Protein backbone atom coordinates (compact mmCIF):
# COMPACT_ATOMS: atom_id res chain seq x y z
CA GLY A 1 102.78 129.44 110.14
CA GLN A 2 104.12 125.66 109.71
CA ARG A 3 105.57 125.42 106.27
CA GLU A 4 103.64 123.53 103.55
CA ARG A 5 105.43 119.84 102.68
CA SER A 6 107.56 119.74 99.37
CA PRO A 7 106.20 117.08 96.86
CA ALA A 8 109.35 115.01 97.63
CA GLU A 9 108.82 115.40 101.54
CA ALA A 10 105.33 114.10 101.23
CA ALA A 11 106.11 111.40 99.05
CA VAL A 12 108.72 109.95 101.41
CA MET A 13 105.98 110.03 104.04
CA ARG A 14 103.79 108.28 102.15
CA ARG A 15 106.20 105.67 101.42
CA LEU A 16 107.02 105.05 105.15
CA ARG A 17 103.23 104.51 106.13
CA VAL A 18 103.13 101.94 103.48
CA PHE A 19 106.12 100.53 104.84
CA LEU A 20 103.90 100.32 108.22
CA THR A 21 101.00 99.26 106.73
CA MET A 22 103.17 95.95 104.65
CA ARG A 23 104.30 94.88 108.35
CA TRP A 24 100.92 94.71 109.66
CA PHE A 25 99.74 92.61 106.58
CA PHE A 26 102.87 90.53 107.07
CA ILE A 27 101.92 90.01 111.10
CA ILE A 28 98.49 89.22 110.70
CA GLY A 29 99.67 86.69 107.25
CA VAL A 30 102.36 84.71 109.46
CA LEU A 31 99.39 84.41 112.29
CA ILE A 32 96.73 83.25 110.10
CA THR A 33 99.20 80.76 107.81
CA THR A 34 100.32 79.47 111.56
CA LEU A 35 96.43 78.99 112.81
CA VAL A 36 95.76 77.24 109.11
CA ALA A 37 98.93 75.07 108.98
CA THR A 38 98.49 73.77 112.41
CA ASN A 39 94.85 73.12 112.87
CA ILE A 40 93.70 72.32 109.39
CA PHE A 41 96.50 70.49 107.68
CA ARG A 42 97.81 69.44 110.93
CA ILE A 43 101.70 70.49 110.38
CA SER A 44 103.51 70.25 113.67
CA PHE A 45 106.16 72.92 114.41
CA PRO A 46 106.29 74.97 117.87
CA THR A 47 103.79 78.09 117.59
CA PHE A 48 104.53 79.71 120.87
CA PRO A 49 107.85 81.19 119.70
CA VAL A 50 106.47 82.16 116.20
CA TYR A 51 103.34 84.27 118.01
CA LEU A 52 106.10 86.11 120.26
CA ILE A 53 108.02 87.00 117.60
CA CYS A 54 105.03 88.52 115.83
CA ALA A 55 104.27 89.82 118.85
CA SER A 56 107.96 91.69 119.20
CA MET A 57 107.00 92.95 115.54
CA LEU A 58 104.08 94.83 116.58
CA LEU A 59 105.94 96.27 118.96
CA TYR A 60 108.47 97.75 117.20
CA ASN A 61 105.98 98.98 114.44
CA LEU A 62 104.28 100.69 116.93
CA VAL A 63 107.30 102.62 117.83
CA LEU A 64 108.10 103.15 114.22
CA MET A 65 104.42 104.79 114.01
CA TYR A 66 105.31 107.03 117.10
CA GLN A 67 108.72 107.92 115.20
CA VAL A 68 106.61 108.89 112.15
CA ARG A 69 104.58 111.26 114.06
CA GLY A 70 107.79 112.86 115.18
CA LEU A 71 108.65 113.75 111.85
CA GLU A 72 105.72 115.59 111.10
CA THR A 73 107.68 119.01 112.61
CA LEU A 74 110.64 118.14 110.32
CA HIS A 75 111.52 119.36 106.68
CA GLY A 76 113.67 119.07 103.98
CA ASP A 77 116.82 116.95 103.56
CA LEU A 78 116.12 115.73 107.69
CA VAL A 79 113.24 114.28 106.57
CA ARG A 80 114.49 112.38 104.07
CA GLN A 81 117.67 111.25 106.10
CA LYS A 82 115.08 110.26 108.81
CA VAL A 83 113.41 108.24 106.69
CA ARG A 84 116.43 106.27 105.47
CA THR A 85 117.68 105.69 109.07
CA TYR A 86 114.31 104.37 110.29
CA GLY A 87 113.94 102.26 107.32
CA ILE A 88 117.36 100.66 107.60
CA SER A 89 116.82 99.76 111.00
CA HIS A 90 113.48 98.34 110.84
CA ILE A 91 113.91 96.12 107.85
CA VAL A 92 117.26 94.79 109.62
CA LEU A 93 114.99 94.35 112.55
CA ASP A 94 112.52 92.36 109.91
CA LEU A 95 115.41 90.29 108.43
CA LEU A 96 116.35 89.15 111.94
CA ALA A 97 112.19 88.45 113.11
CA PHE A 98 111.80 86.59 109.49
CA THR A 99 114.93 84.32 110.13
CA ALA A 100 114.11 83.47 113.60
CA ILE A 101 110.23 82.80 112.22
CA LEU A 102 111.94 80.72 109.45
CA HIS A 103 113.93 78.57 111.69
CA PHE A 104 111.03 77.69 114.04
CA THR A 105 108.69 76.78 110.96
CA GLY A 106 111.28 74.53 109.23
CA GLY A 107 114.24 76.42 107.93
CA ILE A 108 115.24 75.75 104.06
CA GLU A 109 111.96 73.38 104.42
CA ASN A 110 109.50 76.23 104.85
CA PRO A 111 107.99 77.17 101.27
CA PHE A 112 107.39 80.68 102.50
CA LEU A 113 111.33 81.24 102.65
CA PHE A 114 110.85 83.42 99.30
CA LEU A 115 108.79 85.76 100.89
CA VAL A 116 111.73 87.20 102.35
CA VAL A 117 111.75 89.37 99.03
CA LEU A 118 109.06 91.35 100.39
CA HIS A 119 111.93 93.11 102.62
CA ILE A 120 113.61 94.08 99.07
CA THR A 121 110.30 95.66 97.46
CA GLY A 122 109.57 97.12 100.72
CA GLY A 123 113.24 98.82 101.17
CA SER A 124 113.31 100.07 97.59
CA THR A 125 110.53 102.64 98.05
CA LEU A 126 112.51 104.15 101.10
CA LEU A 127 116.27 103.47 100.34
CA ARG A 128 119.01 104.64 97.65
CA ARG A 129 120.42 101.52 95.17
CA GLY A 130 123.38 100.90 97.17
CA ALA A 131 121.32 100.67 100.49
CA VAL A 132 118.54 98.11 99.01
CA PHE A 133 121.40 95.74 97.57
CA TRP A 134 123.35 95.64 100.66
CA ILE A 135 119.70 94.66 102.27
CA ALA A 136 119.78 92.28 99.73
CA THR A 137 122.86 90.82 100.55
CA GLN A 138 122.06 90.47 104.64
CA ALA A 139 119.06 88.59 103.62
CA ILE A 140 121.29 86.30 101.92
CA LEU A 141 123.55 85.75 104.50
CA MET A 142 121.02 85.32 107.33
CA VAL A 143 119.11 82.81 105.58
CA LEU A 144 122.52 81.06 104.55
CA LEU A 145 123.59 81.43 107.91
CA LEU A 146 120.31 79.79 109.56
CA VAL A 147 120.95 77.06 106.83
CA LEU A 148 124.34 76.36 107.80
CA LEU A 149 123.82 76.13 111.72
CA GLU A 150 121.05 73.78 110.95
CA TYR A 151 123.03 71.78 108.80
CA ALA A 152 126.16 71.00 111.30
CA GLY A 153 123.37 70.22 114.28
CA VAL A 154 125.00 73.67 115.84
CA ILE A 155 121.37 74.72 116.45
CA PRO A 156 118.21 71.92 116.07
CA HIS A 157 116.24 71.94 113.25
CA ILE A 158 112.93 71.74 113.16
CA ASN A 159 110.89 69.55 110.90
CA LEU A 160 107.46 70.16 109.19
CA GLU A 161 106.43 67.18 110.72
CA GLY A 162 103.23 66.41 107.92
CA LEU A 163 104.69 68.09 105.23
CA VAL A 164 108.02 67.37 104.04
CA ALA A 165 110.67 64.63 105.20
CA PRO A 166 112.83 65.01 108.12
CA THR A 167 116.24 64.81 106.28
CA LEU A 168 115.93 67.11 103.59
CA TYR A 169 117.65 70.01 105.38
CA ARG A 170 120.73 68.07 105.01
CA GLU A 171 120.55 67.35 101.11
CA THR A 172 123.21 69.34 100.03
CA GLY A 173 121.91 69.49 96.05
CA TYR A 174 118.48 70.78 97.51
CA ILE A 175 120.29 73.23 100.10
CA LEU A 176 122.24 74.72 96.77
CA ALA A 177 119.29 75.04 94.78
CA VAL A 178 117.18 76.95 97.10
CA MET A 179 119.98 79.33 97.80
CA VAL A 180 121.56 79.93 94.19
CA THR A 181 117.79 80.60 93.44
CA LEU A 182 116.90 82.87 96.50
CA GLY A 183 120.08 84.81 95.62
CA GLY A 184 119.24 84.95 92.16
CA ILE A 185 115.70 86.08 93.16
CA LEU A 186 116.88 88.93 95.74
CA TYR A 187 119.29 90.81 93.47
CA ALA A 188 116.94 90.80 90.61
CA THR A 189 114.29 92.12 92.53
CA ALA A 190 116.40 94.47 93.86
CA TYR A 191 117.85 96.01 90.76
CA MET A 192 114.24 95.83 89.11
CA ALA A 193 112.77 97.55 92.15
CA THR A 194 115.22 100.40 92.71
CA ALA A 195 115.35 100.99 88.90
CA ILE A 196 111.70 101.50 89.08
CA SER A 197 111.87 103.73 92.29
CA GLY A 198 114.77 105.90 90.77
CA GLU A 199 112.60 106.72 87.32
CA LEU A 200 109.62 107.64 89.72
CA ARG A 201 111.75 109.78 91.79
CA LYS A 202 113.56 111.09 88.56
CA ARG A 203 109.96 112.07 87.03
CA GLN A 204 108.67 113.63 90.38
CA ARG A 205 111.80 115.79 90.31
CA GLU A 206 111.30 117.28 86.86
CA VAL A 207 107.51 117.85 87.61
CA VAL A 208 108.56 119.59 90.65
């Protein structure tokens, strides 16, 4: 018969399913926020690209669900290796999707910019410390690249009309303050989340 999963294998599978669930909540949250912002608060921005990106996230979350089912027959280090591979690839996709949504919803003007920290907390449940800090660095670089491209006029900036001034994205002091704060929050979250996750894994091994 099929070998029973070890506690470590079962735990990593649970974390991956939690990661899947977090993405569903994120997609639903973006959709609800978009509807509320445009229909109730009358904030103007292009909604079709946002819905299209959410649909793309829904599709690759379904792919990850299929990949998780494929792990049911695997055991040992192969399970953990696959989980890390899936985790990194899908977090990178999440960062790309988040950055694209950010572009169509005001860029650095968007008050939900700091929700990128969710990628760090989610990644800490699946990945090793070095990979989580790598994800944090990628998140900062992606947001910074978007901000600089909009600032330089390489790509058009989309103002959240009715919420903030249309020139806010070109105010150097504001940009610097937001990016420094974002960097501090992401790296601090990466440190704390990986420290807690590492301690929990250590205690789990001791119990086993």
